[in-house]
Protein backbone atom coordinates (compact mmCIF):
# COMPACT_ATOMS: atom_id res chain seq x y z
CA UNK A 1 0.00 0.00 0.00
CA UNK A 2 1.38 3.41 -0.98
CA UNK A 3 1.65 6.62 1.00
CA UNK A 4 0.66 9.77 -0.89
CA UNK A 5 3.36 12.48 -0.77
CA UNK A 6 2.60 14.70 -3.78
CA UNK A 7 1.92 18.39 -3.22
CA UNK A 8 -1.00 20.41 -4.52
CA UNK A 9 -0.11 22.84 -7.36
CA UNK A 10 -1.92 25.59 -5.46
CA UNK A 11 0.54 25.26 -2.63
CA UNK A 12 -1.99 23.79 -0.19
CA UNK A 13 -1.21 20.31 1.20
CA UNK A 14 -3.17 17.51 -0.47
CA UNK A 15 -5.96 15.92 1.55
CA UNK A 16 -4.25 12.51 1.78
CA UNK A 17 -0.65 13.63 2.34
CA UNK A 18 1.04 11.19 4.70
CA UNK A 19 -2.03 8.96 4.80
CA UNK A 20 -2.34 5.40 3.59
CA UNK A 21 -4.31 5.17 0.36
CA UNK A 22 -5.59 2.27 -1.67
CA UNK A 23 -7.48 -0.90 -0.85
CA UNK A 24 -8.36 -1.45 2.80
CA UNK A 25 -7.00 -4.61 4.40
CA UNK A 26 -9.33 -7.51 5.22
CA UNK A 27 -9.43 -8.90 8.74
CA UNK A 28 -7.69 -12.12 9.69
CA UNK A 29 -9.71 -14.83 11.42
CA UNK A 30 -7.97 -14.14 14.73
CA UNK A 31 -8.87 -10.43 14.43
CA UNK A 32 -12.51 -11.25 13.73
CA UNK A 33 -12.71 -13.24 16.93
CA UNK A 34 -10.80 -10.61 18.91
CA UNK A 35 -13.41 -8.00 17.97
CA UNK A 36 -16.32 -10.36 18.62
CA UNK A 37 -15.05 -11.28 22.07
CA UNK A 38 -14.64 -7.64 23.05
CA UNK A 39 -18.13 -6.76 21.88
CA UNK A 40 -19.56 -9.71 23.79
CA UNK A 41 -17.65 -8.88 27.00
CA UNK A 42 -18.81 -5.26 26.93
CA UNK A 43 -22.35 -6.32 25.91
CA UNK A 44 -22.40 -4.15 22.80
CA UNK A 45 -25.47 -5.90 21.43
CA UNK A 46 -26.04 -3.56 18.47
CA UNK A 47 -22.36 -3.46 17.50
CA UNK A 48 -22.06 -7.26 17.64
CA UNK A 49 -25.09 -7.68 15.37
CA UNK A 50 -23.77 -5.01 12.99
CA UNK A 51 -20.28 -6.53 12.93
CA UNK A 52 -21.48 -10.08 12.33
CA UNK A 53 -23.96 -9.03 9.65
CA UNK A 54 -21.34 -6.91 7.87
CA UNK A 55 -18.99 -9.91 7.72
CA UNK A 56 -21.64 -12.39 6.55
CA UNK A 57 -23.49 -10.14 4.10
CA UNK A 58 -20.40 -8.65 2.39
CA UNK A 59 -22.57 -5.64 1.58
CA UNK A 60 -21.32 -2.16 0.85
CA UNK A 61 -21.88 0.22 3.72
CA UNK A 62 -24.64 2.09 1.85
CA UNK A 63 -26.62 -1.16 1.50
CA UNK A 64 -25.88 -2.46 4.98
CA UNK A 65 -27.14 0.59 6.88
CA UNK A 66 -30.43 0.65 4.92
CA UNK A 67 -31.43 -2.93 5.69
CA UNK A 68 -34.83 -3.35 7.31
CA UNK A 69 -35.88 -6.10 9.66
CA UNK A 70 -37.96 -7.74 6.93
CA UNK A 71 -34.82 -8.09 4.79
CA UNK A 72 -33.26 -10.59 7.20
CA UNK A 73 -36.22 -11.98 9.16
CA UNK A 74 -39.49 -13.71 8.39
CA UNK A 75 -42.28 -14.23 10.86
CA UNK A 76 -40.20 -12.92 13.72
CA UNK A 77 -37.31 -15.31 13.06
CA UNK A 78 -33.99 -14.37 11.49
CA UNK A 79 -33.55 -16.20 8.20
CA UNK A 80 -30.62 -18.41 7.30
CA UNK A 81 -30.42 -16.72 3.89
CA UNK A 82 -31.26 -13.26 2.55
CA UNK A 83 -31.39 -11.49 -0.81
CA UNK A 84 -30.73 -7.76 -1.14
CA UNK A 85 -30.85 -5.45 -4.15
CA UNK A 86 -27.58 -3.53 -4.39
CA UNK A 87 -27.84 0.23 -4.90
CA UNK A 88 -24.68 0.53 -6.97
CA UNK A 89 -25.23 -2.29 -9.46
CA UNK A 90 -29.03 -2.63 -9.23
CA UNK A 91 -28.42 -6.37 -9.06
CA UNK A 92 -29.61 -8.74 -6.31
CA UNK A 93 -27.04 -10.43 -4.12
CA UNK A 94 -27.69 -13.43 -1.89
CA UNK A 95 -25.90 -14.25 1.34
CA UNK A 96 -26.12 -16.73 4.17
CA UNK A 97 -26.37 -15.82 7.84
CA UNK A 98 -24.35 -18.04 10.13
CA UNK A 99 -25.71 -19.29 13.43
CA UNK A 100 -23.74 -16.76 15.44
CA UNK A 101 -24.96 -13.90 13.27
CA UNK A 102 -28.56 -15.04 13.53
CA UNK A 103 -28.29 -15.17 17.32
CA UNK A 104 -26.70 -11.72 17.60
CA UNK A 105 -29.38 -10.27 15.33
CA UNK A 106 -32.12 -11.96 17.37
CA UNK A 107 -30.68 -10.43 20.55
CA UNK A 108 -30.49 -6.97 18.96
CA UNK A 109 -34.00 -7.13 17.49
CA UNK A 110 -35.39 -8.02 20.91
CA UNK A 111 -33.36 -5.29 22.64
CA UNK A 112 -34.42 -2.61 20.12
CA UNK A 113 -38.02 -3.92 19.88
CA UNK A 114 -37.92 -3.70 16.09
CA UNK A 115 -40.89 -4.35 13.82
CA UNK A 116 -40.89 -5.74 10.26
CA UNK A 117 -40.76 -2.36 8.50
CA UNK A 118 -38.20 -0.82 10.83
CA UNK A 119 -34.64 -0.15 9.80
CA UNK A 120 -32.41 -2.81 11.30
CA UNK A 121 -29.99 -0.24 12.70
CA UNK A 122 -31.91 2.95 13.57
CA UNK A 123 -29.89 6.10 14.02
CA UNK A 124 -29.62 7.72 17.41
CA UNK A 125 -29.63 11.08 15.64
CA UNK A 126 -33.14 12.50 15.40
CA UNK A 127 -32.92 13.67 11.77
CA UNK A 128 -31.72 10.32 10.39
CA UNK A 129 -34.00 7.25 10.22
CA UNK A 130 -31.12 4.80 10.06
CA UNK A 131 -27.42 4.61 10.78
CA UNK A 132 -25.50 6.68 8.22
CA UNK A 133 -22.48 5.40 6.34
CA UNK A 134 -20.38 7.99 8.20
CA UNK A 135 -21.65 6.71 11.55
CA UNK A 136 -20.98 3.14 10.46
CA UNK A 137 -17.42 4.10 9.48
CA UNK A 138 -16.79 5.65 12.90
CA UNK A 139 -18.14 2.56 14.65
CA UNK A 140 -15.96 0.27 12.51
CA UNK A 141 -12.86 2.35 13.25
CA UNK A 142 -13.52 1.90 16.97
CA UNK A 143 -13.62 -1.86 16.45
CA UNK A 144 -10.27 -1.86 14.71
CA UNK A 145 -8.59 0.49 17.17
CA UNK A 146 -9.85 -1.57 20.14
CA UNK A 147 -7.70 -4.54 19.09
CA UNK A 148 -4.65 -2.48 18.17
CA UNK A 149 -5.17 -2.15 14.39
CA UNK A 150 -4.36 1.09 12.60
CA UNK A 151 -7.74 2.58 11.62
CA UNK A 152 -6.05 4.27 8.63
CA UNK A 153 -5.37 0.87 7.07
CA UNK A 154 -8.89 -0.48 7.69
CA UNK A 155 -12.38 0.75 6.91
CA UNK A 156 -15.92 -0.30 6.09
CA UNK A 157 -14.66 -1.99 2.92
CA UNK A 158 -12.57 -4.15 5.24
CA UNK A 159 -15.84 -5.70 6.38
CA UNK A 160 -16.95 -6.31 2.79
CA UNK A 161 -13.62 -7.86 1.79
CA UNK A 162 -13.00 -10.08 4.80
CA UNK A 163 -15.18 -13.14 4.17
CA UNK A 164 -14.53 -13.30 0.39
CA UNK A 165 -10.78 -13.14 1.10
CA UNK A 166 -11.01 -15.97 3.63
CA UNK A 167 -13.08 -18.05 1.19
CA UNK A 168 -10.69 -17.38 -1.67
CA UNK A 169 -7.65 -18.35 0.38
CA UNK A 170 -9.35 -21.61 1.28
CA UNK A 171 -10.86 -22.53 -2.10
CA UNK A 172 -9.07 -20.45 -4.79
CA UNK A 173 -12.49 -20.26 -6.48
CA UNK A 174 -12.71 -16.82 -8.10
CA UNK A 175 -16.11 -17.37 -9.69
CA UNK A 176 -17.67 -18.23 -6.34
CA UNK A 177 -16.21 -15.12 -4.75
CA UNK A 178 -17.42 -13.02 -7.67
CA UNK A 179 -20.97 -14.25 -7.07
CA UNK A 180 -20.71 -13.69 -3.33
CA UNK A 181 -19.71 -10.07 -3.86
CA UNK A 182 -22.28 -9.49 -6.59
CA UNK A 183 -19.64 -8.22 -9.01
CA UNK A 184 -20.56 -8.10 -12.70
CA UNK A 185 -16.90 -8.19 -13.78
CA UNK A 186 -14.21 -10.60 -12.66
CA UNK A 187 -11.67 -7.77 -12.67
CA UNK A 188 -13.56 -6.09 -9.81
CA UNK A 189 -13.24 -9.26 -7.76
CA UNK A 190 -9.55 -9.49 -8.56
CA UNK A 191 -8.96 -5.95 -7.32
CA UNK A 192 -10.75 -6.76 -4.08
CA UNK A 193 -8.59 -9.79 -3.52
CA UNK A 194 -5.39 -8.00 -4.48
CA UNK A 195 -4.11 -10.66 -6.86
CA UNK A 196 -2.58 -10.39 -10.33
CA UNK A 197 -5.14 -10.27 -13.14
CA UNK A 198 -3.31 -12.77 -15.38
CA UNK A 199 -3.03 -15.31 -12.56
CA UNK A 200 -6.67 -14.73 -11.66
CA UNK A 201 -7.97 -15.27 -15.20
CA UNK A 202 -5.90 -18.45 -15.53
CA UNK A 203 -7.31 -19.81 -12.27
CA UNK A 204 -10.85 -18.88 -13.32
CA UNK A 205 -10.44 -20.75 -16.60
CA UNK A 206 -9.22 -23.79 -14.70
CA UNK A 207 -12.28 -23.56 -12.44
CA UNK A 208 -14.63 -23.41 -15.43
CA UNK A 209 -12.95 -26.36 -17.16
C-alpha atoms as a PDB file:
ATOM      1  CA  UNK A   1       0.000   0.000   0.000  1.00  0.00           C
ATOM      2  CA  UNK A   2       1.383   3.411  -0.976  1.00  0.00           C
ATOM      3  CA  UNK A   3       1.651   6.616   1.001  1.00  0.00           C
ATOM      4  CA  UNK A   4       0.660   9.775  -0.890  1.00  0.00           C
ATOM      5  CA  UNK A   5       3.356  12.479  -0.773  1.00  0.00           C
ATOM      6  CA  UNK A   6       2.601  14.700  -3.775  1.00  0.00           C
ATOM      7  CA  UNK A   7       1.922  18.388  -3.225  1.00  0.00           C
ATOM      8  CA  UNK A   8      -1.002  20.408  -4.516  1.00  0.00           C
ATOM      9  CA  UNK A   9      -0.106  22.840  -7.363  1.00  0.00           C
ATOM     10  CA  UNK A  10      -1.924  25.587  -5.461  1.00  0.00           C
ATOM     11  CA  UNK A  11       0.537  25.258  -2.626  1.00  0.00           C
ATOM     12  CA  UNK A  12      -1.991  23.788  -0.185  1.00  0.00           C
ATOM     13  CA  UNK A  13      -1.213  20.314   1.204  1.00  0.00           C
ATOM     14  CA  UNK A  14      -3.166  17.514  -0.472  1.00  0.00           C
ATOM     15  CA  UNK A  15      -5.960  15.916   1.552  1.00  0.00           C
ATOM     16  CA  UNK A  16      -4.248  12.506   1.784  1.00  0.00           C
ATOM     17  CA  UNK A  17      -0.651  13.635   2.338  1.00  0.00           C
ATOM     18  CA  UNK A  18       1.039  11.186   4.696  1.00  0.00           C
ATOM     19  CA  UNK A  19      -2.031   8.960   4.800  1.00  0.00           C
ATOM     20  CA  UNK A  20      -2.338   5.401   3.591  1.00  0.00           C
ATOM     21  CA  UNK A  21      -4.313   5.174   0.365  1.00  0.00           C
ATOM     22  CA  UNK A  22      -5.595   2.274  -1.675  1.00  0.00           C
ATOM     23  CA  UNK A  23      -7.484  -0.903  -0.852  1.00  0.00           C
ATOM     24  CA  UNK A  24      -8.365  -1.448   2.795  1.00  0.00           C
ATOM     25  CA  UNK A  25      -6.996  -4.610   4.395  1.00  0.00           C
ATOM     26  CA  UNK A  26      -9.332  -7.508   5.220  1.00  0.00           C
ATOM     27  CA  UNK A  27      -9.428  -8.901   8.735  1.00  0.00           C
ATOM     28  CA  UNK A  28      -7.693 -12.123   9.693  1.00  0.00           C
ATOM     29  CA  UNK A  29      -9.710 -14.825  11.422  1.00  0.00           C
ATOM     30  CA  UNK A  30      -7.971 -14.136  14.734  1.00  0.00           C
ATOM     31  CA  UNK A  31      -8.872 -10.435  14.429  1.00  0.00           C
ATOM     32  CA  UNK A  32     -12.506 -11.245  13.733  1.00  0.00           C
ATOM     33  CA  UNK A  33     -12.708 -13.243  16.929  1.00  0.00           C
ATOM     34  CA  UNK A  34     -10.799 -10.614  18.915  1.00  0.00           C
ATOM     35  CA  UNK A  35     -13.410  -7.999  17.973  1.00  0.00           C
ATOM     36  CA  UNK A  36     -16.324 -10.355  18.624  1.00  0.00           C
ATOM     37  CA  UNK A  37     -15.053 -11.280  22.067  1.00  0.00           C
ATOM     38  CA  UNK A  38     -14.637  -7.635  23.054  1.00  0.00           C
ATOM     39  CA  UNK A  39     -18.129  -6.763  21.882  1.00  0.00           C
ATOM     40  CA  UNK A  40     -19.558  -9.713  23.791  1.00  0.00           C
ATOM     41  CA  UNK A  41     -17.650  -8.877  26.996  1.00  0.00           C
ATOM     42  CA  UNK A  42     -18.814  -5.259  26.931  1.00  0.00           C
ATOM     43  CA  UNK A  43     -22.346  -6.316  25.909  1.00  0.00           C
ATOM     44  CA  UNK A  44     -22.401  -4.155  22.799  1.00  0.00           C
ATOM     45  CA  UNK A  45     -25.468  -5.905  21.428  1.00  0.00           C
ATOM     46  CA  UNK A  46     -26.037  -3.564  18.468  1.00  0.00           C
ATOM     47  CA  UNK A  47     -22.364  -3.462  17.502  1.00  0.00           C
ATOM     48  CA  UNK A  48     -22.060  -7.256  17.637  1.00  0.00           C
ATOM     49  CA  UNK A  49     -25.093  -7.681  15.370  1.00  0.00           C
ATOM     50  CA  UNK A  50     -23.769  -5.012  12.991  1.00  0.00           C
ATOM     51  CA  UNK A  51     -20.283  -6.525  12.925  1.00  0.00           C
ATOM     52  CA  UNK A  52     -21.484 -10.082  12.330  1.00  0.00           C
ATOM     53  CA  UNK A  53     -23.961  -9.030   9.648  1.00  0.00           C
ATOM     54  CA  UNK A  54     -21.336  -6.912   7.872  1.00  0.00           C
ATOM     55  CA  UNK A  55     -18.994  -9.911   7.716  1.00  0.00           C
ATOM     56  CA  UNK A  56     -21.643 -12.392   6.549  1.00  0.00           C
ATOM     57  CA  UNK A  57     -23.486 -10.144   4.099  1.00  0.00           C
ATOM     58  CA  UNK A  58     -20.400  -8.655   2.392  1.00  0.00           C
ATOM     59  CA  UNK A  59     -22.572  -5.641   1.583  1.00  0.00           C
ATOM     60  CA  UNK A  60     -21.322  -2.164   0.846  1.00  0.00           C
ATOM     61  CA  UNK A  61     -21.882   0.223   3.717  1.00  0.00           C
ATOM     62  CA  UNK A  62     -24.642   2.095   1.850  1.00  0.00           C
ATOM     63  CA  UNK A  63     -26.616  -1.155   1.498  1.00  0.00           C
ATOM     64  CA  UNK A  64     -25.882  -2.459   4.981  1.00  0.00           C
ATOM     65  CA  UNK A  65     -27.142   0.589   6.877  1.00  0.00           C
ATOM     66  CA  UNK A  66     -30.426   0.648   4.923  1.00  0.00           C
ATOM     67  CA  UNK A  67     -31.425  -2.929   5.687  1.00  0.00           C
ATOM     68  CA  UNK A  68     -34.825  -3.348   7.308  1.00  0.00           C
ATOM     69  CA  UNK A  69     -35.881  -6.105   9.663  1.00  0.00           C
ATOM     70  CA  UNK A  70     -37.963  -7.741   6.935  1.00  0.00           C
ATOM     71  CA  UNK A  71     -34.824  -8.095   4.793  1.00  0.00           C
ATOM     72  CA  UNK A  72     -33.265 -10.593   7.201  1.00  0.00           C
ATOM     73  CA  UNK A  73     -36.219 -11.981   9.163  1.00  0.00           C
ATOM     74  CA  UNK A  74     -39.489 -13.712   8.388  1.00  0.00           C
ATOM     75  CA  UNK A  75     -42.284 -14.226  10.859  1.00  0.00           C
ATOM     76  CA  UNK A  76     -40.195 -12.923  13.719  1.00  0.00           C
ATOM     77  CA  UNK A  77     -37.308 -15.305  13.061  1.00  0.00           C
ATOM     78  CA  UNK A  78     -33.988 -14.370  11.485  1.00  0.00           C
ATOM     79  CA  UNK A  79     -33.549 -16.203   8.198  1.00  0.00           C
ATOM     80  CA  UNK A  80     -30.618 -18.411   7.297  1.00  0.00           C
ATOM     81  CA  UNK A  81     -30.418 -16.716   3.890  1.00  0.00           C
ATOM     82  CA  UNK A  82     -31.261 -13.260   2.551  1.00  0.00           C
ATOM     83  CA  UNK A  83     -31.394 -11.486  -0.814  1.00  0.00           C
ATOM     84  CA  UNK A  84     -30.726  -7.755  -1.136  1.00  0.00           C
ATOM     85  CA  UNK A  85     -30.848  -5.451  -4.149  1.00  0.00           C
ATOM     86  CA  UNK A  86     -27.577  -3.532  -4.390  1.00  0.00           C
ATOM     87  CA  UNK A  87     -27.843   0.226  -4.895  1.00  0.00           C
ATOM     88  CA  UNK A  88     -24.679   0.532  -6.975  1.00  0.00           C
ATOM     89  CA  UNK A  89     -25.234  -2.294  -9.458  1.00  0.00           C
ATOM     90  CA  UNK A  90     -29.034  -2.629  -9.226  1.00  0.00           C
ATOM     91  CA  UNK A  91     -28.422  -6.371  -9.058  1.00  0.00           C
ATOM     92  CA  UNK A  92     -29.615  -8.735  -6.312  1.00  0.00           C
ATOM     93  CA  UNK A  93     -27.041 -10.435  -4.123  1.00  0.00           C
ATOM     94  CA  UNK A  94     -27.686 -13.428  -1.889  1.00  0.00           C
ATOM     95  CA  UNK A  95     -25.900 -14.248   1.342  1.00  0.00           C
ATOM     96  CA  UNK A  96     -26.120 -16.732   4.172  1.00  0.00           C
ATOM     97  CA  UNK A  97     -26.366 -15.815   7.839  1.00  0.00           C
ATOM     98  CA  UNK A  98     -24.350 -18.044  10.130  1.00  0.00           C
ATOM     99  CA  UNK A  99     -25.712 -19.291  13.430  1.00  0.00           C
ATOM    100  CA  UNK A 100     -23.740 -16.758  15.445  1.00  0.00           C
ATOM    101  CA  UNK A 101     -24.958 -13.899  13.265  1.00  0.00           C
ATOM    102  CA  UNK A 102     -28.563 -15.039  13.534  1.00  0.00           C
ATOM    103  CA  UNK A 103     -28.292 -15.166  17.321  1.00  0.00           C
ATOM    104  CA  UNK A 104     -26.695 -11.720  17.596  1.00  0.00           C
ATOM    105  CA  UNK A 105     -29.381 -10.270  15.329  1.00  0.00           C
ATOM    106  CA  UNK A 106     -32.116 -11.961  17.368  1.00  0.00           C
ATOM    107  CA  UNK A 107     -30.683 -10.430  20.547  1.00  0.00           C
ATOM    108  CA  UNK A 108     -30.486  -6.970  18.962  1.00  0.00           C
ATOM    109  CA  UNK A 109     -34.000  -7.131  17.485  1.00  0.00           C
ATOM    110  CA  UNK A 110     -35.391  -8.020  20.913  1.00  0.00           C
ATOM    111  CA  UNK A 111     -33.363  -5.286  22.637  1.00  0.00           C
ATOM    112  CA  UNK A 112     -34.423  -2.605  20.122  1.00  0.00           C
ATOM    113  CA  UNK A 113     -38.015  -3.923  19.880  1.00  0.00           C
ATOM    114  CA  UNK A 114     -37.924  -3.701  16.093  1.00  0.00           C
ATOM    115  CA  UNK A 115     -40.894  -4.347  13.821  1.00  0.00           C
ATOM    116  CA  UNK A 116     -40.885  -5.736  10.264  1.00  0.00           C
ATOM    117  CA  UNK A 117     -40.764  -2.364   8.496  1.00  0.00           C
ATOM    118  CA  UNK A 118     -38.200  -0.825  10.830  1.00  0.00           C
ATOM    119  CA  UNK A 119     -34.643  -0.148   9.801  1.00  0.00           C
ATOM    120  CA  UNK A 120     -32.410  -2.810  11.305  1.00  0.00           C
ATOM    121  CA  UNK A 121     -29.992  -0.241  12.703  1.00  0.00           C
ATOM    122  CA  UNK A 122     -31.910   2.948  13.568  1.00  0.00           C
ATOM    123  CA  UNK A 123     -29.894   6.097  14.015  1.00  0.00           C
ATOM    124  CA  UNK A 124     -29.624   7.721  17.413  1.00  0.00           C
ATOM    125  CA  UNK A 125     -29.626  11.084  15.636  1.00  0.00           C
ATOM    126  CA  UNK A 126     -33.136  12.498  15.402  1.00  0.00           C
ATOM    127  CA  UNK A 127     -32.917  13.667  11.773  1.00  0.00           C
ATOM    128  CA  UNK A 128     -31.715  10.325  10.393  1.00  0.00           C
ATOM    129  CA  UNK A 129     -34.004   7.255  10.220  1.00  0.00           C
ATOM    130  CA  UNK A 130     -31.121   4.800  10.056  1.00  0.00           C
ATOM    131  CA  UNK A 131     -27.415   4.610  10.779  1.00  0.00           C
ATOM    132  CA  UNK A 132     -25.502   6.676   8.219  1.00  0.00           C
ATOM    133  CA  UNK A 133     -22.475   5.405   6.338  1.00  0.00           C
ATOM    134  CA  UNK A 134     -20.385   7.990   8.204  1.00  0.00           C
ATOM    135  CA  UNK A 135     -21.648   6.714  11.555  1.00  0.00           C
ATOM    136  CA  UNK A 136     -20.977   3.141  10.457  1.00  0.00           C
ATOM    137  CA  UNK A 137     -17.423   4.100   9.483  1.00  0.00           C
ATOM    138  CA  UNK A 138     -16.789   5.653  12.898  1.00  0.00           C
ATOM    139  CA  UNK A 139     -18.136   2.561  14.654  1.00  0.00           C
ATOM    140  CA  UNK A 140     -15.962   0.271  12.507  1.00  0.00           C
ATOM    141  CA  UNK A 141     -12.860   2.348  13.248  1.00  0.00           C
ATOM    142  CA  UNK A 142     -13.516   1.898  16.967  1.00  0.00           C
ATOM    143  CA  UNK A 143     -13.623  -1.865  16.454  1.00  0.00           C
ATOM    144  CA  UNK A 144     -10.266  -1.860  14.705  1.00  0.00           C
ATOM    145  CA  UNK A 145      -8.595   0.490  17.166  1.00  0.00           C
ATOM    146  CA  UNK A 146      -9.846  -1.566  20.136  1.00  0.00           C
ATOM    147  CA  UNK A 147      -7.699  -4.545  19.087  1.00  0.00           C
ATOM    148  CA  UNK A 148      -4.654  -2.482  18.166  1.00  0.00           C
ATOM    149  CA  UNK A 149      -5.166  -2.152  14.391  1.00  0.00           C
ATOM    150  CA  UNK A 150      -4.358   1.091  12.600  1.00  0.00           C
ATOM    151  CA  UNK A 151      -7.741   2.578  11.616  1.00  0.00           C
ATOM    152  CA  UNK A 152      -6.055   4.274   8.631  1.00  0.00           C
ATOM    153  CA  UNK A 153      -5.375   0.871   7.075  1.00  0.00           C
ATOM    154  CA  UNK A 154      -8.890  -0.481   7.691  1.00  0.00           C
ATOM    155  CA  UNK A 155     -12.380   0.747   6.910  1.00  0.00           C
ATOM    156  CA  UNK A 156     -15.924  -0.299   6.091  1.00  0.00           C
ATOM    157  CA  UNK A 157     -14.655  -1.991   2.920  1.00  0.00           C
ATOM    158  CA  UNK A 158     -12.566  -4.150   5.241  1.00  0.00           C
ATOM    159  CA  UNK A 159     -15.844  -5.704   6.377  1.00  0.00           C
ATOM    160  CA  UNK A 160     -16.946  -6.313   2.786  1.00  0.00           C
ATOM    161  CA  UNK A 161     -13.625  -7.855   1.787  1.00  0.00           C
ATOM    162  CA  UNK A 162     -13.001 -10.077   4.796  1.00  0.00           C
ATOM    163  CA  UNK A 163     -15.181 -13.141   4.167  1.00  0.00           C
ATOM    164  CA  UNK A 164     -14.525 -13.302   0.390  1.00  0.00           C
ATOM    165  CA  UNK A 165     -10.785 -13.139   1.096  1.00  0.00           C
ATOM    166  CA  UNK A 166     -11.010 -15.966   3.631  1.00  0.00           C
ATOM    167  CA  UNK A 167     -13.076 -18.045   1.194  1.00  0.00           C
ATOM    168  CA  UNK A 168     -10.689 -17.383  -1.673  1.00  0.00           C
ATOM    169  CA  UNK A 169      -7.651 -18.355   0.383  1.00  0.00           C
ATOM    170  CA  UNK A 170      -9.348 -21.611   1.279  1.00  0.00           C
ATOM    171  CA  UNK A 171     -10.859 -22.533  -2.104  1.00  0.00           C
ATOM    172  CA  UNK A 172      -9.073 -20.448  -4.795  1.00  0.00           C
ATOM    173  CA  UNK A 173     -12.490 -20.264  -6.485  1.00  0.00           C
ATOM    174  CA  UNK A 174     -12.714 -16.823  -8.097  1.00  0.00           C
ATOM    175  CA  UNK A 175     -16.113 -17.375  -9.693  1.00  0.00           C
ATOM    176  CA  UNK A 176     -17.666 -18.234  -6.343  1.00  0.00           C
ATOM    177  CA  UNK A 177     -16.209 -15.119  -4.746  1.00  0.00           C
ATOM    178  CA  UNK A 178     -17.422 -13.015  -7.674  1.00  0.00           C
ATOM    179  CA  UNK A 179     -20.974 -14.248  -7.070  1.00  0.00           C
ATOM    180  CA  UNK A 180     -20.709 -13.690  -3.325  1.00  0.00           C
ATOM    181  CA  UNK A 181     -19.712 -10.066  -3.864  1.00  0.00           C
ATOM    182  CA  UNK A 182     -22.280  -9.487  -6.594  1.00  0.00           C
ATOM    183  CA  UNK A 183     -19.644  -8.224  -9.015  1.00  0.00           C
ATOM    184  CA  UNK A 184     -20.559  -8.095 -12.695  1.00  0.00           C
ATOM    185  CA  UNK A 185     -16.902  -8.193 -13.778  1.00  0.00           C
ATOM    186  CA  UNK A 186     -14.213 -10.602 -12.664  1.00  0.00           C
ATOM    187  CA  UNK A 187     -11.674  -7.768 -12.672  1.00  0.00           C
ATOM    188  CA  UNK A 188     -13.564  -6.095  -9.814  1.00  0.00           C
ATOM    189  CA  UNK A 189     -13.240  -9.264  -7.756  1.00  0.00           C
ATOM    190  CA  UNK A 190      -9.550  -9.490  -8.564  1.00  0.00           C
ATOM    191  CA  UNK A 191      -8.961  -5.945  -7.317  1.00  0.00           C
ATOM    192  CA  UNK A 192     -10.751  -6.757  -4.083  1.00  0.00           C
ATOM    193  CA  UNK A 193      -8.594  -9.794  -3.524  1.00  0.00           C
ATOM    194  CA  UNK A 194      -5.385  -8.002  -4.483  1.00  0.00           C
ATOM    195  CA  UNK A 195      -4.105 -10.664  -6.864  1.00  0.00           C
ATOM    196  CA  UNK A 196      -2.585 -10.387 -10.332  1.00  0.00           C
ATOM    197  CA  UNK A 197      -5.137 -10.270 -13.145  1.00  0.00           C
ATOM    198  CA  UNK A 198      -3.306 -12.769 -15.376  1.00  0.00           C
ATOM    199  CA  UNK A 199      -3.031 -15.307 -12.561  1.00  0.00           C
ATOM    200  CA  UNK A 200      -6.670 -14.726 -11.661  1.00  0.00           C
ATOM    201  CA  UNK A 201      -7.973 -15.269 -15.197  1.00  0.00           C
ATOM    202  CA  UNK A 202      -5.896 -18.448 -15.526  1.00  0.00           C
ATOM    203  CA  UNK A 203      -7.314 -19.808 -12.275  1.00  0.00           C
ATOM    204  CA  UNK A 204     -10.846 -18.876 -13.323  1.00  0.00           C
ATOM    205  CA  UNK A 205     -10.441 -20.746 -16.604  1.00  0.00           C
ATOM    206  CA  UNK A 206      -9.223 -23.793 -14.696  1.00  0.00           C
ATOM    207  CA  UNK A 207     -12.280 -23.556 -12.441  1.00  0.00           C
ATOM    208  CA  UNK A 208     -14.634 -23.414 -15.435  1.00  0.00           C
ATOM    209  CA  UNK A 209     -12.949 -26.355 -17.163  1.00  0.00           C
END
